[in-house]
């Protein structure tokens, strides 16, 4: 396995483990989870009507709706969005690994700098 792949797996794994460790660690429901829990209990058409006037992306509500069928606990509502964020986390980790690899090379980010 290449150093790039190991770095990508390490960064993604650490971030995901940290998030899962903290998932549901706050015993009090915040305003966001309470609002989402109430909206998820509405029929789909009513939910979309309310979400249309909200500043959060509707895809997030549609994803949490898949979980809300079983539970509207804060941990359950957060877990679907966390699962959806894993691909974004992998892309961010890949960019970070590439950037740090580029910085560590001779010439760094600006190979033409200083060449006059």
N, C-alpha and C. Protein backbone atom coordinates (compact mmCIF):
# COMPACT_ATOMS: atom_id res chain seq x y z
N UNK A 1 0.84 -1.17 0.00
CA UNK A 1 0.00 0.00 0.00
C UNK A 1 0.90 1.24 0.00
N UNK A 2 0.55 2.20 -0.80
CA UNK A 2 1.37 3.41 -0.93
C UNK A 2 1.22 4.31 0.29
N UNK A 3 2.16 5.21 0.43
CA UNK A 3 2.09 6.18 1.52
C UNK A 3 0.86 7.07 1.41
N UNK A 4 0.48 7.37 0.17
CA UNK A 4 -0.71 8.18 -0.06
C UNK A 4 -1.95 7.48 0.48
N UNK A 5 -2.09 6.21 0.17
CA UNK A 5 -3.26 5.45 0.62
C UNK A 5 -3.27 5.32 2.14
N UNK A 6 -2.10 5.08 2.72
CA UNK A 6 -2.02 4.98 4.19
C UNK A 6 -2.40 6.31 4.85
N UNK A 7 -1.92 7.41 4.29
CA UNK A 7 -2.26 8.73 4.82
C UNK A 7 -3.74 9.02 4.70
N UNK A 8 -4.31 8.68 3.56
CA UNK A 8 -5.73 8.89 3.33
C UNK A 8 -6.57 8.08 4.31
N UNK A 9 -6.22 6.84 4.51
CA UNK A 9 -6.95 5.98 5.44
C UNK A 9 -6.78 6.49 6.87
N UNK A 10 -5.59 6.92 7.23
CA UNK A 10 -5.34 7.40 8.59
C UNK A 10 -6.13 8.67 8.90
N UNK A 11 -6.10 9.64 8.00
CA UNK A 11 -6.82 10.90 8.23
C UNK A 11 -8.31 10.64 8.29
N UNK A 12 -8.83 9.87 7.35
CA UNK A 12 -10.27 9.58 7.32
C UNK A 12 -10.68 8.80 8.56
N UNK A 13 -9.89 7.80 8.93
CA UNK A 13 -10.22 6.98 10.09
C UNK A 13 -10.22 7.78 11.39
N UNK A 14 -9.21 8.64 11.57
CA UNK A 14 -9.15 9.46 12.78
C UNK A 14 -10.33 10.42 12.88
N UNK A 15 -10.66 11.06 11.78
CA UNK A 15 -11.79 12.01 11.79
C UNK A 15 -13.10 11.29 12.05
N UNK A 16 -13.30 10.16 11.40
CA UNK A 16 -14.54 9.41 11.59
C UNK A 16 -14.64 8.84 13.00
N UNK A 17 -13.54 8.33 13.53
CA UNK A 17 -13.55 7.80 14.90
C UNK A 17 -13.85 8.90 15.91
N UNK A 18 -13.26 10.07 15.71
CA UNK A 18 -13.53 11.19 16.61
C UNK A 18 -14.99 11.60 16.57
N UNK A 19 -15.56 11.62 15.39
CA UNK A 19 -16.98 12.01 15.27
C UNK A 19 -17.89 10.96 15.88
N UNK A 20 -17.62 9.69 15.62
CA UNK A 20 -18.45 8.63 16.19
C UNK A 20 -18.33 8.58 17.71
N UNK A 21 -17.16 8.90 18.23
CA UNK A 21 -16.96 8.93 19.67
C UNK A 21 -17.84 10.00 20.31
N UNK A 22 -17.97 11.14 19.62
CA UNK A 22 -18.76 12.24 20.16
C UNK A 22 -20.24 12.17 19.80
N UNK A 23 -20.63 11.24 18.94
CA UNK A 23 -22.01 11.14 18.49
C UNK A 23 -22.93 10.86 19.66
N UNK A 24 -23.89 11.71 19.86
CA UNK A 24 -24.85 11.53 20.94
C UNK A 24 -24.30 11.83 22.32
N UNK A 25 -23.11 12.44 22.40
CA UNK A 25 -22.49 12.70 23.70
C UNK A 25 -23.15 13.85 24.44
N UNK A 26 -23.88 14.68 23.73
CA UNK A 26 -24.58 15.78 24.38
C UNK A 26 -25.99 15.28 24.71
N UNK A 27 -26.30 15.13 26.01
CA UNK A 27 -27.58 14.54 26.38
C UNK A 27 -28.78 15.46 26.13
N UNK A 28 -28.54 16.74 25.98
CA UNK A 28 -29.62 17.69 25.77
C UNK A 28 -29.83 17.88 24.27
N UNK A 29 -31.06 17.89 23.86
CA UNK A 29 -31.38 18.11 22.45
C UNK A 29 -31.23 19.60 22.15
N UNK A 30 -30.43 19.91 21.14
CA UNK A 30 -30.27 21.31 20.75
C UNK A 30 -31.46 21.74 19.89
N UNK A 31 -31.49 23.00 19.58
CA UNK A 31 -32.59 23.52 18.76
C UNK A 31 -32.65 22.87 17.39
N UNK A 32 -31.48 22.59 16.80
CA UNK A 32 -31.45 21.97 15.47
C UNK A 32 -32.05 20.57 15.49
N UNK A 33 -31.63 19.75 16.48
CA UNK A 33 -32.16 18.39 16.54
C UNK A 33 -33.65 18.39 16.85
N UNK A 34 -34.08 19.30 17.73
CA UNK A 34 -35.50 19.38 18.07
C UNK A 34 -36.32 19.78 16.84
N UNK A 35 -35.84 20.78 16.12
CA UNK A 35 -36.52 21.23 14.91
C UNK A 35 -36.59 20.10 13.88
N UNK A 36 -35.46 19.42 13.68
CA UNK A 36 -35.42 18.33 12.71
C UNK A 36 -36.35 17.20 13.14
N UNK A 37 -36.34 16.86 14.44
CA UNK A 37 -37.21 15.80 14.93
C UNK A 37 -38.68 16.10 14.71
N UNK A 38 -39.07 17.35 14.93
CA UNK A 38 -40.47 17.74 14.72
C UNK A 38 -40.81 17.69 13.23
N UNK A 39 -39.93 18.20 12.40
CA UNK A 39 -40.19 18.22 10.96
C UNK A 39 -40.27 16.81 10.39
N UNK A 40 -39.41 15.93 10.88
CA UNK A 40 -39.38 14.56 10.36
C UNK A 40 -40.66 13.79 10.68
N UNK A 41 -41.40 14.23 11.66
CA UNK A 41 -42.65 13.55 12.01
C UNK A 41 -43.82 13.99 11.12
N UNK A 42 -43.63 15.04 10.35
CA UNK A 42 -44.68 15.51 9.43
C UNK A 42 -44.76 14.59 8.22
N UNK A 43 -45.91 14.60 7.54
CA UNK A 43 -45.96 13.89 6.25
C UNK A 43 -44.94 14.51 5.28
N UNK A 44 -44.50 13.74 4.30
CA UNK A 44 -43.43 14.19 3.41
C UNK A 44 -43.74 15.54 2.76
N UNK A 45 -44.95 15.73 2.28
CA UNK A 45 -45.30 17.00 1.65
C UNK A 45 -45.22 18.16 2.63
N UNK A 46 -45.70 17.96 3.84
CA UNK A 46 -45.62 19.00 4.87
C UNK A 46 -44.20 19.30 5.26
N UNK A 47 -43.39 18.25 5.34
CA UNK A 47 -41.98 18.43 5.68
C UNK A 47 -41.28 19.27 4.61
N UNK A 48 -41.51 18.95 3.35
CA UNK A 48 -40.86 19.70 2.27
C UNK A 48 -41.35 21.14 2.22
N UNK A 49 -42.61 21.36 2.57
CA UNK A 49 -43.14 22.73 2.60
C UNK A 49 -42.44 23.56 3.67
N UNK A 50 -42.22 22.97 4.84
CA UNK A 50 -41.52 23.68 5.92
C UNK A 50 -40.06 23.88 5.55
N UNK A 51 -39.44 22.86 5.00
CA UNK A 51 -38.01 22.90 4.66
C UNK A 51 -37.74 23.94 3.58
N UNK A 52 -38.71 24.17 2.73
CA UNK A 52 -38.54 25.16 1.66
C UNK A 52 -38.23 26.54 2.22
N UNK A 53 -38.68 26.82 3.43
CA UNK A 53 -38.46 28.13 4.05
C UNK A 53 -37.31 28.11 5.05
N UNK A 54 -36.58 27.01 5.12
CA UNK A 54 -35.47 26.86 6.06
C UNK A 54 -34.16 27.13 5.34
N UNK A 55 -33.12 27.46 6.12
CA UNK A 55 -31.83 27.77 5.49
C UNK A 55 -30.93 26.54 5.34
N UNK A 56 -31.36 25.38 5.81
CA UNK A 56 -30.56 24.16 5.67
C UNK A 56 -30.92 23.44 4.37
N UNK A 57 -29.99 22.67 3.81
CA UNK A 57 -30.27 22.00 2.53
C UNK A 57 -31.32 20.90 2.68
N UNK A 58 -32.26 20.82 1.78
CA UNK A 58 -33.33 19.83 1.88
C UNK A 58 -32.83 18.39 1.79
N UNK A 59 -31.70 18.16 1.14
CA UNK A 59 -31.18 16.79 1.05
C UNK A 59 -30.88 16.24 2.44
N UNK A 60 -30.40 17.07 3.33
CA UNK A 60 -30.14 16.65 4.70
C UNK A 60 -31.40 16.15 5.38
N UNK A 61 -32.49 16.85 5.19
CA UNK A 61 -33.76 16.42 5.79
C UNK A 61 -34.25 15.13 5.16
N UNK A 62 -34.07 14.99 3.85
CA UNK A 62 -34.49 13.75 3.19
C UNK A 62 -33.66 12.56 3.67
N UNK A 63 -32.37 12.78 3.90
CA UNK A 63 -31.53 11.70 4.41
C UNK A 63 -31.91 11.33 5.84
N UNK A 64 -32.15 12.33 6.68
CA UNK A 64 -32.53 12.01 8.06
C UNK A 64 -33.91 11.38 8.13
N UNK A 65 -34.72 11.62 7.11
CA UNK A 65 -36.05 11.00 7.08
C UNK A 65 -35.93 9.48 7.01
N UNK A 66 -34.89 8.99 6.35
CA UNK A 66 -34.67 7.54 6.28
C UNK A 66 -34.45 6.95 7.67
N UNK A 67 -33.78 7.69 8.54
CA UNK A 67 -33.51 7.21 9.90
C UNK A 67 -34.70 7.50 10.81
N UNK A 68 -35.37 8.62 10.59
CA UNK A 68 -36.47 9.04 11.47
C UNK A 68 -37.63 8.05 11.45
N UNK A 69 -37.69 7.20 10.46
CA UNK A 69 -38.72 6.16 10.44
C UNK A 69 -38.56 5.26 11.67
N UNK A 70 -37.30 5.07 12.10
CA UNK A 70 -37.01 4.19 13.23
C UNK A 70 -36.83 4.95 14.53
N UNK A 71 -36.20 6.12 14.49
CA UNK A 71 -35.93 6.87 15.72
C UNK A 71 -35.68 8.33 15.39
N UNK A 72 -36.13 9.21 16.27
CA UNK A 72 -35.85 10.64 16.12
C UNK A 72 -34.95 11.13 17.26
N UNK A 73 -34.17 10.23 17.83
CA UNK A 73 -33.22 10.64 18.88
C UNK A 73 -32.13 11.49 18.23
N UNK A 74 -31.48 12.36 19.00
CA UNK A 74 -30.42 13.19 18.42
C UNK A 74 -29.31 12.36 17.77
N UNK A 75 -28.92 11.28 18.40
CA UNK A 75 -27.85 10.45 17.81
C UNK A 75 -28.30 9.85 16.49
N UNK A 76 -29.54 9.41 16.41
CA UNK A 76 -30.04 8.82 15.16
C UNK A 76 -30.11 9.87 14.06
N UNK A 77 -30.59 11.08 14.40
CA UNK A 77 -30.70 12.13 13.39
C UNK A 77 -29.32 12.58 12.90
N UNK A 78 -28.33 12.60 13.79
CA UNK A 78 -26.98 12.99 13.39
C UNK A 78 -26.28 11.89 12.60
N UNK A 79 -26.60 10.64 12.88
CA UNK A 79 -25.86 9.54 12.27
C UNK A 79 -26.01 9.48 10.75
N UNK A 80 -27.18 9.77 10.24
CA UNK A 80 -27.37 9.72 8.78
C UNK A 80 -26.57 10.82 8.10
N UNK A 81 -26.57 12.00 8.68
CA UNK A 81 -25.78 13.08 8.08
C UNK A 81 -24.30 12.78 8.18
N UNK A 82 -23.87 12.16 9.27
CA UNK A 82 -22.46 11.78 9.39
C UNK A 82 -22.10 10.75 8.34
N UNK A 83 -22.98 9.80 8.09
CA UNK A 83 -22.72 8.79 7.06
C UNK A 83 -22.64 9.44 5.68
N UNK A 84 -23.45 10.45 5.45
CA UNK A 84 -23.41 11.14 4.16
C UNK A 84 -22.15 11.99 4.02
N UNK A 85 -21.57 12.39 5.13
CA UNK A 85 -20.37 13.23 5.07
C UNK A 85 -19.08 12.44 4.88
N UNK A 86 -19.14 11.12 5.00
CA UNK A 86 -17.92 10.31 4.86
C UNK A 86 -17.28 10.51 3.48
N UNK A 87 -18.04 10.50 2.38
CA UNK A 87 -17.38 10.75 1.08
C UNK A 87 -16.71 12.12 1.02
N UNK A 88 -17.32 13.14 1.62
CA UNK A 88 -16.71 14.47 1.64
C UNK A 88 -15.45 14.44 2.49
N UNK A 89 -15.48 13.68 3.57
CA UNK A 89 -14.32 13.56 4.44
C UNK A 89 -13.16 12.87 3.70
N UNK A 90 -13.47 11.86 2.91
CA UNK A 90 -12.43 11.18 2.14
C UNK A 90 -11.81 12.13 1.12
N UNK A 91 -12.64 12.94 0.46
CA UNK A 91 -12.11 13.91 -0.50
C UNK A 91 -11.25 14.96 0.19
N UNK A 92 -11.67 15.43 1.35
CA UNK A 92 -10.89 16.40 2.10
C UNK A 92 -9.56 15.80 2.55
N UNK A 93 -9.61 14.56 3.01
CA UNK A 93 -8.37 13.88 3.43
C UNK A 93 -7.44 13.70 2.23
N UNK A 94 -8.00 13.35 1.08
CA UNK A 94 -7.18 13.17 -0.12
C UNK A 94 -6.51 14.49 -0.51
N UNK A 95 -7.26 15.58 -0.42
CA UNK A 95 -6.68 16.89 -0.73
C UNK A 95 -5.58 17.25 0.27
N UNK A 96 -5.82 16.95 1.55
CA UNK A 96 -4.80 17.25 2.57
C UNK A 96 -3.54 16.44 2.35
N UNK A 97 -3.68 15.16 2.04
CA UNK A 97 -2.51 14.32 1.81
C UNK A 97 -1.74 14.83 0.60
N UNK A 98 -2.44 15.17 -0.48
CA UNK A 98 -1.77 15.70 -1.68
C UNK A 98 -1.06 17.01 -1.39
N UNK A 99 -1.73 17.88 -0.62
CA UNK A 99 -1.14 19.18 -0.31
C UNK A 99 0.12 19.01 0.53
N UNK A 100 0.06 18.19 1.57
CA UNK A 100 1.24 17.99 2.41
C UNK A 100 2.36 17.29 1.64
N UNK A 101 2.00 16.41 0.72
CA UNK A 101 3.00 15.76 -0.10
C UNK A 101 3.65 16.78 -1.03
N UNK A 102 2.85 17.67 -1.58
CA UNK A 102 3.36 18.70 -2.47
C UNK A 102 4.26 19.67 -1.72
N UNK A 103 3.86 20.04 -0.51
CA UNK A 103 4.66 20.98 0.27
C UNK A 103 6.00 20.38 0.65
N UNK A 104 6.03 19.08 0.89
CA UNK A 104 7.27 18.44 1.33
C UNK A 104 8.26 18.21 0.19
N UNK A 105 7.82 18.37 -1.05
CA UNK A 105 8.72 18.17 -2.19
C UNK A 105 9.61 19.39 -2.39
N UNK A 106 10.78 19.21 -2.99
CA UNK A 106 11.63 20.37 -3.29
C UNK A 106 10.88 21.36 -4.21
N UNK A 107 10.89 22.59 -3.86
CA UNK A 107 10.15 23.60 -4.64
C UNK A 107 8.83 23.90 -4.02
N UNK A 108 8.29 22.97 -3.25
CA UNK A 108 7.03 23.20 -2.53
C UNK A 108 5.88 23.53 -3.44
N UNK A 109 5.03 24.43 -2.96
CA UNK A 109 3.85 24.82 -3.71
C UNK A 109 4.17 25.73 -4.89
N UNK A 110 5.27 26.47 -4.79
CA UNK A 110 5.61 27.46 -5.81
C UNK A 110 6.98 27.13 -6.40
N UNK A 111 7.04 26.16 -7.31
CA UNK A 111 8.35 25.73 -7.82
C UNK A 111 9.09 26.81 -8.62
N UNK A 112 8.38 27.77 -9.19
CA UNK A 112 9.03 28.80 -9.99
C UNK A 112 9.43 30.02 -9.18
N UNK A 113 9.08 30.05 -7.92
CA UNK A 113 9.37 31.21 -7.09
C UNK A 113 10.88 31.34 -6.90
N UNK A 114 11.37 32.50 -7.06
CA UNK A 114 12.80 32.74 -6.88
C UNK A 114 13.63 32.49 -8.13
N UNK A 115 13.01 31.94 -9.16
CA UNK A 115 13.75 31.70 -10.42
C UNK A 115 13.57 32.91 -11.32
N UNK A 116 14.56 33.74 -11.39
CA UNK A 116 14.46 34.95 -12.21
C UNK A 116 15.54 35.03 -13.22
